[in-house]
Amino acid sequence: MSRTTESDSHYNDLEKMSVGELLTNMNREDKLVPLAVEKSLPEIEKLIESIVPRMRKGGRLFYVGAGTSGRLGVVDASECPPTFGVPHELVVGIIAGGDPAIRKAVEFAEDDVELGWKDLQDQHISNQDTVIGIAASGSTPYVIGAIEKCNKEGINTGCITCNKGSRLAEVANFPVEVEVGPEFVTGSTRMKSGTAQKLVLNMISTSVMIQLGKVKGNKMVDMQLSNDKLVDRGTNMVVSQTGLDYHEAKELLLQKGSVRKAVAFYQNK
């Protein structure tokens, strides 16, 4: 199968371009990414709507990927607890080669068709959960193997890929295909493809958490108070919702541990 992600760049002689030309041309290509994502919104919506009812019943969300795709999944999963105040095990990113692969490439880990399912079993995967395979190429054995096995076990599956008609999209229950075209540097899918995957992951996790009640109005009322900036942000939220002065609001926030709990206590006292 011919893969768009491996197609020749629209630009040549990159080494002869000035820095300004490089930046202008990369930016021109990057502008195409959100337009490609827009075309996939109906598929993203279907995937999210398959996830939410399962998570309301206690299910979890898993991302499975290799290389850049795996790292993006790990990043999105790791940001859910501080942003939305959920347990670390609710959204889990799994990368071929394990945690060492987050920083350094682990040779041939992505080529093992059995390893993805084994890594999911280590997380005690169940049919209440959803597994999203992430692979720009749509052909990564580690990811495809995991999704195929999940399907056999009755586990809900989705995928994010940047090629049309890939094997991964064929096997996933809810495929999302965002075709961004050839990369500026031929085959370097950390560029437009990676940006597209990041945008879709943002949409999935944020929409799911909003649907699960983790946002009120437009505020992260369950965020972890893990640094001074977040304490200040939370304090200002409490001020706006209670009318307390800043120091009283901060004291109440730190005492209760979250904006939601602080406001609820104030309103019910």
C-alpha atoms as a PDB file:
ATOM      1  CA  MET A   1       0.000   0.000   0.000  1.00  0.00           C
ATOM      2  CA  SER A   2       1.293   3.441  -0.916  1.00  0.00           C
ATOM      3  CA  ARG A   3       1.457   5.627   2.204  1.00  0.00           C
ATOM      4  CA  THR A   4       1.000   9.392   2.090  1.00  0.00           C
ATOM      5  CA  THR A   5       3.184   9.727   5.196  1.00  0.00           C
ATOM      6  CA  GLU A   6       6.091   8.265   3.173  1.00  0.00           C
ATOM      7  CA  SER A   7       5.462  10.346   0.036  1.00  0.00           C
ATOM      8  CA  ASP A   8       8.132  12.707  -1.211  1.00  0.00           C
ATOM      9  CA  SER A   9       8.086  16.195   0.263  1.00  0.00           C
ATOM     10  CA  HIS A  10       6.661  18.995  -1.878  1.00  0.00           C
ATOM     11  CA  TYR A  11       9.962  20.816  -1.224  1.00  0.00           C
ATOM     12  CA  ASN A  12      13.463  19.945  -2.392  1.00  0.00           C
ATOM     13  CA  ASP A  13      17.002  21.179  -1.724  1.00  0.00           C
ATOM     14  CA  LEU A  14      16.089  21.987   1.868  1.00  0.00           C
ATOM     15  CA  GLU A  15      19.755  22.418   2.729  1.00  0.00           C
ATOM     16  CA  LYS A  16      19.950  25.331   0.275  1.00  0.00           C
ATOM     17  CA  MET A  17      17.102  27.261   1.909  1.00  0.00           C
ATOM     18  CA  SER A  18      17.692  30.145   4.291  1.00  0.00           C
ATOM     19  CA  VAL A  19      16.332  29.867   7.841  1.00  0.00           C
ATOM     20  CA  GLY A  20      13.536  32.246   6.863  1.00  0.00           C
ATOM     21  CA  GLU A  21      12.599  30.081   3.875  1.00  0.00           C
ATOM     22  CA  LEU A  22      12.654  26.935   6.000  1.00  0.00           C
ATOM     23  CA  LEU A  23      10.346  28.498   8.590  1.00  0.00           C
ATOM     24  CA  THR A  24       7.957  29.943   6.013  1.00  0.00           C
ATOM     25  CA  ASN A  25       7.628  26.634   4.191  1.00  0.00           C
ATOM     26  CA  MET A  26       7.221  24.570   7.368  1.00  0.00           C
ATOM     27  CA  ASN A  27       4.582  27.012   8.584  1.00  0.00           C
ATOM     28  CA  ARG A  28       2.775  26.767   5.243  1.00  0.00           C
ATOM     29  CA  GLU A  29       2.596  22.996   5.658  1.00  0.00           C
ATOM     30  CA  ASP A  30       1.577  23.218   9.322  1.00  0.00           C
ATOM     31  CA  LYS A  31      -1.445  25.350   8.389  1.00  0.00           C
ATOM     32  CA  LEU A  32      -2.867  22.344   6.542  1.00  0.00           C
ATOM     33  CA  VAL A  33      -3.077  20.232   9.707  1.00  0.00           C
ATOM     34  CA  PRO A  34      -6.170  21.705  11.433  1.00  0.00           C
ATOM     35  CA  LEU A  35      -8.010  21.640   8.101  1.00  0.00           C
ATOM     36  CA  ALA A  36      -7.262  17.919   7.801  1.00  0.00           C
ATOM     37  CA  VAL A  37      -8.412  17.357  11.385  1.00  0.00           C
ATOM     38  CA  GLU A  38     -11.643  19.241  10.624  1.00  0.00           C
ATOM     39  CA  LYS A  39     -12.504  16.703   7.923  1.00  0.00           C
ATOM     40  CA  SER A  40     -12.218  13.936  10.530  1.00  0.00           C
ATOM     41  CA  LEU A  41     -14.471  15.514  13.183  1.00  0.00           C
ATOM     42  CA  PRO A  42     -17.388  13.104  12.531  1.00  0.00           C
ATOM     43  CA  GLU A  43     -15.090  10.113  13.109  1.00  0.00           C
ATOM     44  CA  ILE A  44     -13.575  11.693  16.236  1.00  0.00           C
ATOM     45  CA  GLU A  45     -17.097  12.314  17.545  1.00  0.00           C
ATOM     46  CA  LYS A  46     -18.077   8.660  17.054  1.00  0.00           C
ATOM     47  CA  LEU A  47     -14.950   7.513  18.888  1.00  0.00           C
ATOM     48  CA  ILE A  48     -15.584   9.844  21.851  1.00  0.00           C
ATOM     49  CA  GLU A  49     -19.237   8.801  22.057  1.00  0.00           C
ATOM     50  CA  SER A  50     -18.121   5.174  22.282  1.00  0.00           C
ATOM     51  CA  ILE A  51     -15.733   5.979  25.145  1.00  0.00           C
ATOM     52  CA  VAL A  52     -17.882   8.088  27.494  1.00  0.00           C
ATOM     53  CA  PRO A  53     -20.575   5.540  28.461  1.00  0.00           C
ATOM     54  CA  ARG A  54     -17.907   2.923  29.155  1.00  0.00           C
ATOM     55  CA  MET A  55     -15.943   5.296  31.392  1.00  0.00           C
ATOM     56  CA  ARG A  56     -19.135   6.277  33.239  1.00  0.00           C
ATOM     57  CA  LYS A  57     -19.417   2.603  34.161  1.00  0.00           C
ATOM     58  CA  GLY A  58     -15.855   2.458  35.466  1.00  0.00           C
ATOM     59  CA  GLY A  59     -13.934   1.813  32.268  1.00  0.00           C
ATOM     60  CA  ARG A  60     -10.523   3.258  31.461  1.00  0.00           C
ATOM     61  CA  LEU A  61      -8.908   4.750  28.366  1.00  0.00           C
ATOM     62  CA  PHE A  62      -5.656   3.387  26.951  1.00  0.00           C
ATOM     63  CA  TYR A  63      -3.409   4.815  24.244  1.00  0.00           C
ATOM     64  CA  VAL A  64      -1.041   2.378  22.526  1.00  0.00           C
ATOM     65  CA  GLY A  65       1.718   3.536  20.194  1.00  0.00           C
ATOM     66  CA  ALA A  66       5.372   3.395  19.222  1.00  0.00           C
ATOM     67  CA  GLY A  67       7.944   6.156  18.762  1.00  0.00           C
ATOM     68  CA  THR A  68       6.491   9.655  18.358  1.00  0.00           C
ATOM     69  CA  SER A  69       2.937   8.301  18.386  1.00  0.00           C
ATOM     70  CA  GLY A  70       3.538   6.444  21.637  1.00  0.00           C
ATOM     71  CA  ARG A  71       5.136   9.487  23.245  1.00  0.00           C
ATOM     72  CA  LEU A  72       2.180  11.672  22.303  1.00  0.00           C
ATOM     73  CA  GLY A  73      -0.173   9.166  23.928  1.00  0.00           C
ATOM     74  CA  VAL A  74       1.925   9.108  27.098  1.00  0.00           C
ATOM     75  CA  VAL A  75       1.954  12.925  27.230  1.00  0.00           C
ATOM     76  CA  ASP A  76      -1.816  13.213  26.825  1.00  0.00           C
ATOM     77  CA  ALA A  77      -2.495  10.534  29.443  1.00  0.00           C
ATOM     78  CA  SER A  78      -0.032  12.036  31.922  1.00  0.00           C
ATOM     79  CA  GLU A  79      -1.709  15.449  31.705  1.00  0.00           C
ATOM     80  CA  CYS A  80      -5.184  14.182  32.647  1.00  0.00           C
ATOM     81  CA  PRO A  81      -4.598  13.792  36.419  1.00  0.00           C
ATOM     82  CA  PRO A  82      -3.216  17.322  37.040  1.00  0.00           C
ATOM     83  CA  THR A  83      -5.711  18.950  34.664  1.00  0.00           C
ATOM     84  CA  PHE A  84      -8.872  17.108  35.655  1.00  0.00           C
ATOM     85  CA  GLY A  85      -8.061  15.620  39.061  1.00  0.00           C
ATOM     86  CA  VAL A  86      -8.579  12.025  37.916  1.00  0.00           C
ATOM     87  CA  PRO A  87      -6.552   8.991  39.084  1.00  0.00           C
ATOM     88  CA  HIS A  88      -3.368   8.210  37.140  1.00  0.00           C
ATOM     89  CA  GLU A  89      -4.745   4.818  36.147  1.00  0.00           C
ATOM     90  CA  LEU A  90      -7.865   6.246  34.442  1.00  0.00           C
ATOM     91  CA  VAL A  91      -6.093   7.311  31.225  1.00  0.00           C
ATOM     92  CA  VAL A  92      -2.954   5.315  30.463  1.00  0.00           C
ATOM     93  CA  GLY A  93      -0.354   5.767  27.738  1.00  0.00           C
ATOM     94  CA  ILE A  94       1.548   2.646  26.671  1.00  0.00           C
ATOM     95  CA  ILE A  95       4.597   2.896  24.419  1.00  0.00           C
ATOM     96  CA  ALA A  96       6.459   0.094  22.643  1.00  0.00           C
ATOM     97  CA  GLY A  97       9.650  -0.530  24.569  1.00  0.00           C
ATOM     98  CA  GLY A  98       8.248   0.739  27.869  1.00  0.00           C
ATOM     99  CA  ASP A  99       9.158   3.912  29.739  1.00  0.00           C
ATOM    100  CA  PRO A 100      12.788   3.995  28.469  1.00  0.00           C
ATOM    101  CA  ALA A 101      11.356   4.502  24.962  1.00  0.00           C
ATOM    102  CA  ILE A 102       9.859   7.831  26.028  1.00  0.00           C
ATOM    103  CA  ARG A 103      13.360   9.333  25.876  1.00  0.00           C
ATOM    104  CA  LYS A 104      15.316   6.981  23.630  1.00  0.00           C
ATOM    105  CA  ALA A 105      14.286   4.801  20.698  1.00  0.00           C
ATOM    106  CA  VAL A 106      14.106   1.094  21.563  1.00  0.00           C
ATOM    107  CA  GLU A 107      15.154  -0.820  18.449  1.00  0.00           C
ATOM    108  CA  PHE A 108      12.559  -3.054  16.814  1.00  0.00           C
ATOM    109  CA  ALA A 109      10.095  -2.798  19.754  1.00  0.00           C
ATOM    110  CA  GLU A 110       7.395  -1.594  17.360  1.00  0.00           C
ATOM    111  CA  ASP A 111       7.825  -4.679  15.162  1.00  0.00           C
ATOM    112  CA  ASP A 112       6.640  -7.148  17.836  1.00  0.00           C
ATOM    113  CA  VAL A 113       3.018  -8.015  17.029  1.00  0.00           C
ATOM    114  CA  GLU A 114       2.438  -9.746  20.392  1.00  0.00           C
ATOM    115  CA  LEU A 115       4.017  -7.191  22.720  1.00  0.00           C
ATOM    116  CA  GLY A 116       1.239  -4.581  22.619  1.00  0.00           C
ATOM    117  CA  TRP A 117      -1.353  -7.015  23.952  1.00  0.00           C
ATOM    118  CA  LYS A 118       1.102  -8.261  26.607  1.00  0.00           C
ATOM    119  CA  ASP A 119       1.648  -4.678  27.774  1.00  0.00           C
ATOM    120  CA  LEU A 120      -2.130  -4.182  27.990  1.00  0.00           C
ATOM    121  CA  GLN A 121      -2.513  -7.395  29.996  1.00  0.00           C
ATOM    122  CA  ASP A 122       0.009  -6.005  32.480  1.00  0.00           C
ATOM    123  CA  GLN A 123      -2.558  -3.223  33.054  1.00  0.00           C
ATOM    124  CA  HIS A 124      -5.349  -5.782  33.704  1.00  0.00           C
ATOM    125  CA  ILE A 125      -7.279  -4.624  30.640  1.00  0.00           C
ATOM    126  CA  SER A 126     -11.005  -5.467  30.631  1.00  0.00           C
ATOM    127  CA  ASN A 127     -13.973  -5.194  28.268  1.00  0.00           C
ATOM    128  CA  GLN A 128     -15.116  -2.038  30.065  1.00  0.00           C
ATOM    129  CA  ASP A 129     -12.036  -0.252  28.738  1.00  0.00           C
ATOM    130  CA  THR A 130     -11.277   1.445  25.420  1.00  0.00           C
ATOM    131  CA  VAL A 131      -7.951   1.123  23.592  1.00  0.00           C
ATOM    132  CA  ILE A 132      -6.876   3.669  20.983  1.00  0.00           C
ATOM    133  CA  GLY A 133      -4.012   2.671  18.714  1.00  0.00           C
ATOM    134  CA  ILE A 134      -1.884   5.582  17.520  1.00  0.00           C
ATOM    135  CA  ALA A 135       0.291   5.149  14.417  1.00  0.00           C
ATOM    136  CA  ALA A 136       0.911   7.744  11.734  1.00  0.00           C
ATOM    137  CA  SER A 137       1.631   5.021   9.192  1.00  0.00           C
ATOM    138  CA  GLY A 138      -1.267   2.834  10.263  1.00  0.00           C
ATOM    139  CA  SER A 139       1.007  -0.197   9.800  1.00  0.00           C
ATOM    140  CA  THR A 140       2.867  -0.558  13.130  1.00  0.00           C
ATOM    141  CA  PRO A 141       2.749  -4.270  14.160  1.00  0.00           C
ATOM    142  CA  TYR A 142       2.901  -3.479  17.897  1.00  0.00           C
ATOM    143  CA  VAL A 143      -0.253  -1.349  17.609  1.00  0.00           C
ATOM    144  CA  ILE A 144      -2.173  -3.485  15.100  1.00  0.00           C
ATOM    145  CA  GLY A 145      -1.530  -6.638  17.130  1.00  0.00           C
ATOM    146  CA  ALA A 146      -2.873  -4.983  20.272  1.00  0.00           C
ATOM    147  CA  ILE A 147      -6.016  -3.702  18.537  1.00  0.00           C
ATOM    148  CA  GLU A 148      -6.732  -7.051  16.848  1.00  0.00           C
ATOM    149  CA  LYS A 149      -6.439  -8.900  20.151  1.00  0.00           C
ATOM    150  CA  CYS A 150      -8.641  -6.332  21.916  1.00  0.00           C
ATOM    151  CA  ASN A 151     -11.316  -6.875  19.283  1.00  0.00           C
ATOM    152  CA  LYS A 152     -11.229 -10.628  19.877  1.00  0.00           C
ATOM    153  CA  GLU A 153     -11.611 -10.019  23.616  1.00  0.00           C
ATOM    154  CA  GLY A 154     -14.612  -7.706  23.149  1.00  0.00           C
ATOM    155  CA  ILE A 155     -12.702  -4.544  24.115  1.00  0.00           C
ATOM    156  CA  ASN A 156     -13.709  -1.288  22.403  1.00  0.00           C
ATOM    157  CA  THR A 157     -11.045   0.002  20.000  1.00  0.00           C
ATOM    158  CA  GLY A 158     -10.233   3.149  18.066  1.00  0.00           C
ATOM    159  CA  CYS A 159      -7.234   4.499  16.229  1.00  0.00           C
ATOM    160  CA  ILE A 160      -5.546   7.676  15.054  1.00  0.00           C
ATOM    161  CA  THR A 161      -3.612   7.380  11.817  1.00  0.00           C
ATOM    162  CA  CYS A 162      -2.497   9.727   9.041  1.00  0.00           C
ATOM    163  CA  ASN A 163      -2.939   7.417   6.059  1.00  0.00           C
ATOM    164  CA  LYS A 164      -6.161   6.450   4.329  1.00  0.00           C
ATOM    165  CA  GLY A 165      -6.991   2.758   3.986  1.00  0.00           C
ATOM    166  CA  SER A 166      -4.408   1.478   6.460  1.00  0.00           C
ATOM    167  CA  ARG A 167      -4.486  -1.905   8.171  1.00  0.00           C
ATOM    168  CA  LEU A 168      -4.894  -0.182  11.546  1.00  0.00           C
ATOM    169  CA  ALA A 169      -7.976   1.747  10.409  1.00  0.00           C
ATOM    170  CA  GLU A 170      -9.359  -1.473   8.947  1.00  0.00           C
ATOM    171  CA  VAL A 171      -9.189  -3.345  12.263  1.00  0.00           C
ATOM    172  CA  ALA A 172     -10.193  -0.563  14.705  1.00  0.00           C
ATOM    173  CA  ASN A 173     -13.871  -0.243  15.660  1.00  0.00           C
ATOM    174  CA  PHE A 174     -13.737   3.553  15.479  1.00  0.00           C
ATOM    175  CA  PRO A 175     -10.943   4.674  13.139  1.00  0.00           C
ATOM    176  CA  VAL A 176      -9.839   8.288  12.831  1.00  0.00           C
ATOM    177  CA  GLU A 177      -7.839   8.969   9.662  1.00  0.00           C
ATOM    178  CA  VAL A 178      -6.288  12.434   9.386  1.00  0.00           C
ATOM    179  CA  GLU A 179      -4.474  12.672   6.060  1.00  0.00           C
ATOM    180  CA  VAL A 180      -2.120  15.635   6.307  1.00  0.00           C
ATOM    181  CA  GLY A 181      -0.114  14.895   3.160  1.00  0.00           C
ATOM    182  CA  PRO A 182       3.649  14.511   2.688  1.00  0.00           C
ATOM    183  CA  GLU A 183       5.921  15.773   5.441  1.00  0.00           C
ATOM    184  CA  PHE A 184       8.253  18.751   4.913  1.00  0.00           C
ATOM    185  CA  VAL A 185      11.160  16.389   5.536  1.00  0.00           C
ATOM    186  CA  THR A 186      10.119  13.227   3.702  1.00  0.00           C
ATOM    187  CA  GLY A 187       8.799  10.588   6.118  1.00  0.00           C
ATOM    188  CA  SER A 188       9.402  12.658   9.285  1.00  0.00           C
ATOM    189  CA  THR A 189       6.023  11.982  10.875  1.00  0.00           C
ATOM    190  CA  ARG A 190       6.964  13.826  14.062  1.00  0.00           C
ATOM    191  CA  MET A 191       6.062  16.943  12.065  1.00  0.00           C
ATOM    192  CA  LYS A 192       2.557  17.339  10.530  1.00  0.00           C
ATOM    193  CA  SER A 193       1.403  13.856  11.471  1.00  0.00           C
ATOM    194  CA  GLY A 194       2.545  14.327  15.054  1.00  0.00           C
ATOM    195  CA  THR A 195       0.787  17.690  15.229  1.00  0.00           C
ATOM    196  CA  ALA A 196      -2.421  16.134  13.903  1.00  0.00           C
ATOM    197  CA  GLN A 197      -2.248  13.312  16.441  1.00  0.00           C
ATOM    198  CA  LYS A 198      -1.690  15.786  19.266  1.00  0.00           C
ATOM    199  CA  LEU A 199      -4.707  17.851  18.202  1.00  0.00           C
ATOM    200  CA  VAL A 200      -6.935  14.774  18.054  1.00  0.00           C
ATOM    201  CA  LEU A 201      -5.704  13.506  21.423  1.00  0.00           C
ATOM    202  CA  ASN A 202      -6.461  16.925  22.942  1.00  0.00           C
ATOM    203  CA  MET A 203      -9.983  16.700  21.541  1.00  0.00           C
ATOM    204  CA  ILE A 204     -10.553  13.171  22.811  1.00  0.00           C
ATOM    205  CA  SER A 205      -9.314  13.552  26.383  1.00  0.00           C
ATOM    206  CA  THR A 206     -10.769  17.037  26.886  1.00  0.00           C
ATOM    207  CA  SER A 207     -14.182  16.139  25.468  1.00  0.00           C
ATOM    208  CA  VAL A 208     -14.327  12.915  27.478  1.00  0.00           C
ATOM    209  CA  MET A 209     -13.447  14.717  30.713  1.00  0.00           C
ATOM    210  CA  ILE A 210     -16.021  17.441  30.083  1.00  0.00           C
ATOM    211  CA  GLN A 211     -18.637  14.761  29.441  1.00  0.00           C
ATOM    212  CA  LEU A 212     -17.617  13.082  32.706  1.00  0.00           C
ATOM    213  CA  GLY A 213     -18.252  16.335  34.599  1.00  0.00           C
ATOM    214  CA  LYS A 214     -14.641  17.331  35.222  1.00  0.00           C
ATOM    215  CA  VAL A 215     -15.129  20.899  33.936  1.00  0.00           C
ATOM    216  CA  LYS A 216     -17.671  23.430  35.243  1.00  0.00           C
ATOM    217  CA  GLY A 217     -18.493  26.398  33.038  1.00  0.00           C
ATOM    218  CA  ASN A 218     -15.104  26.580  31.371  1.00  0.00           C
ATOM    219  CA  LYS A 219     -12.984  25.988  34.468  1.00  0.00           C
ATOM    220  CA  MET A 220     -10.801  23.062  35.598  1.00  0.00           C
ATOM    221  CA  VAL A 221     -12.533  22.788  38.964  1.00  0.00           C
ATOM    222  CA  ASP A 222     -10.867  19.467  39.861  1.00  0.00           C
ATOM    223  CA  MET A 223      -7.288  20.354  38.852  1.00  0.00           C
ATOM    224  CA  GLN A 224      -4.474  19.368  41.176  1.00  0.00           C
ATOM    225  CA  LEU A 225      -2.976  22.224  43.196  1.00  0.00           C
ATOM    226  CA  SER A 226       0.568  21.154  42.414  1.00  0.00           C
ATOM    227  CA  ASN A 227       2.313  24.540  42.148  1.00  0.00           C
ATOM    228  CA  ASP A 228       1.892  28.209  43.078  1.00  0.00           C
ATOM    229  CA  LYS A 229       0.505  29.133  39.654  1.00  0.00           C
ATOM    230  CA  LEU A 230      -2.283  26.581  39.960  1.00  0.00           C
ATOM    231  CA  VAL A 231      -3.046  27.595  43.544  1.00  0.00           C
ATOM    232  CA  ASP A 232      -3.363  31.196  42.362  1.00  0.00           C
ATOM    233  CA  ARG A 233      -5.593  30.156  39.448  1.00  0.00           C
ATOM    234  CA  GLY A 234      -7.757  28.078  41.774  1.00  0.00           C
ATOM    235  CA  THR A 235      -7.970  30.877  44.315  1.00  0.00           C
ATOM    236  CA  ASN A 236      -9.225  33.285  41.662  1.00  0.00           C
ATOM    237  CA  MET A 237     -11.860  30.733  40.625  1.00  0.00           C
ATOM    238  CA  VAL A 238     -13.062  30.478  44.221  1.00  0.00           C
ATOM    239  CA  VAL A 239     -13.110  34.285  44.514  1.00  0.00           C
ATOM    240  CA  SER A 240     -15.254  34.603  41.383  1.00  0.00           C
ATOM    241  CA  GLN A 241     -17.743  31.949  42.528  1.00  0.00           C
ATOM    242  CA  THR A 242     -18.046  32.876  46.210  1.00  0.00           C
ATOM    243  CA  GLY A 243     -17.255  36.579  46.543  1.00  0.00           C
ATOM    244  CA  LEU A 244     -14.669  35.843  49.244  1.00  0.00           C
ATOM    245  CA  ASP A 245     -11.561  37.987  49.322  1.00  0.00           C
ATOM    246  CA  TYR A 246      -8.381  36.481  47.900  1.00  0.00           C
ATOM    247  CA  HIS A 247      -6.815  35.409  51.200  1.00  0.00           C
ATOM    248  CA  GLU A 248     -10.007  33.793  52.513  1.00  0.00           C
ATOM    249  CA  ALA A 249     -10.511  32.021  49.195  1.00  0.00           C
ATOM    250  CA  LYS A 250      -6.948  30.707  49.189  1.00  0.00           C
ATOM    251  CA  GLU A 251      -7.245  29.427  52.744  1.00  0.00           C
ATOM    252  CA  LEU A 252     -10.494  27.645  51.929  1.00  0.00           C
ATOM    253  CA  LEU A 253      -9.056  26.197  48.699  1.00  0.00           C
ATOM    254  CA  LEU A 254      -5.999  24.767  50.418  1.00  0.00           C
ATOM    255  CA  GLN A 255      -8.131  23.402  53.220  1.00  0.00           C
ATOM    256  CA  LYS A 256     -10.555  21.597  50.864  1.00  0.00           C
ATOM    257  CA  GLY A 257      -8.042  20.620  48.167  1.00  0.00           C
ATOM    258  CA  SER A 258      -9.971  21.592  45.033  1.00  0.00           C
ATOM    259  CA  VAL A 259     -12.027  24.436  43.591  1.00  0.00           C
ATOM    260  CA  ARG A 260     -15.098  22.216  43.386  1.00  0.00           C
ATOM    261  CA  LYS A 261     -14.910  21.183  47.050  1.00  0.00           C
ATOM    262  CA  ALA A 262     -14.123  24.694  48.242  1.00  0.00           C
ATOM    263  CA  VAL A 263     -17.080  26.244  46.403  1.00  0.00           C
ATOM    264  CA  ALA A 264     -19.439  23.438  47.446  1.00  0.00           C
ATOM    265  CA  PHE A 265     -18.443  23.868  51.094  1.00  0.00           C
ATOM    266  CA  TYR A 266     -18.982  27.625  50.944  1.00  0.00           C
ATOM    267  CA  GLN A 267     -22.379  27.284  49.260  1.00  0.00           C
ATOM    268  CA  ASN A 268     -23.620  24.617  51.670  1.00  0.00           C
ATOM    269  CA  LYS A 269     -22.393  26.038  54.946  1.00  0.00           C
END
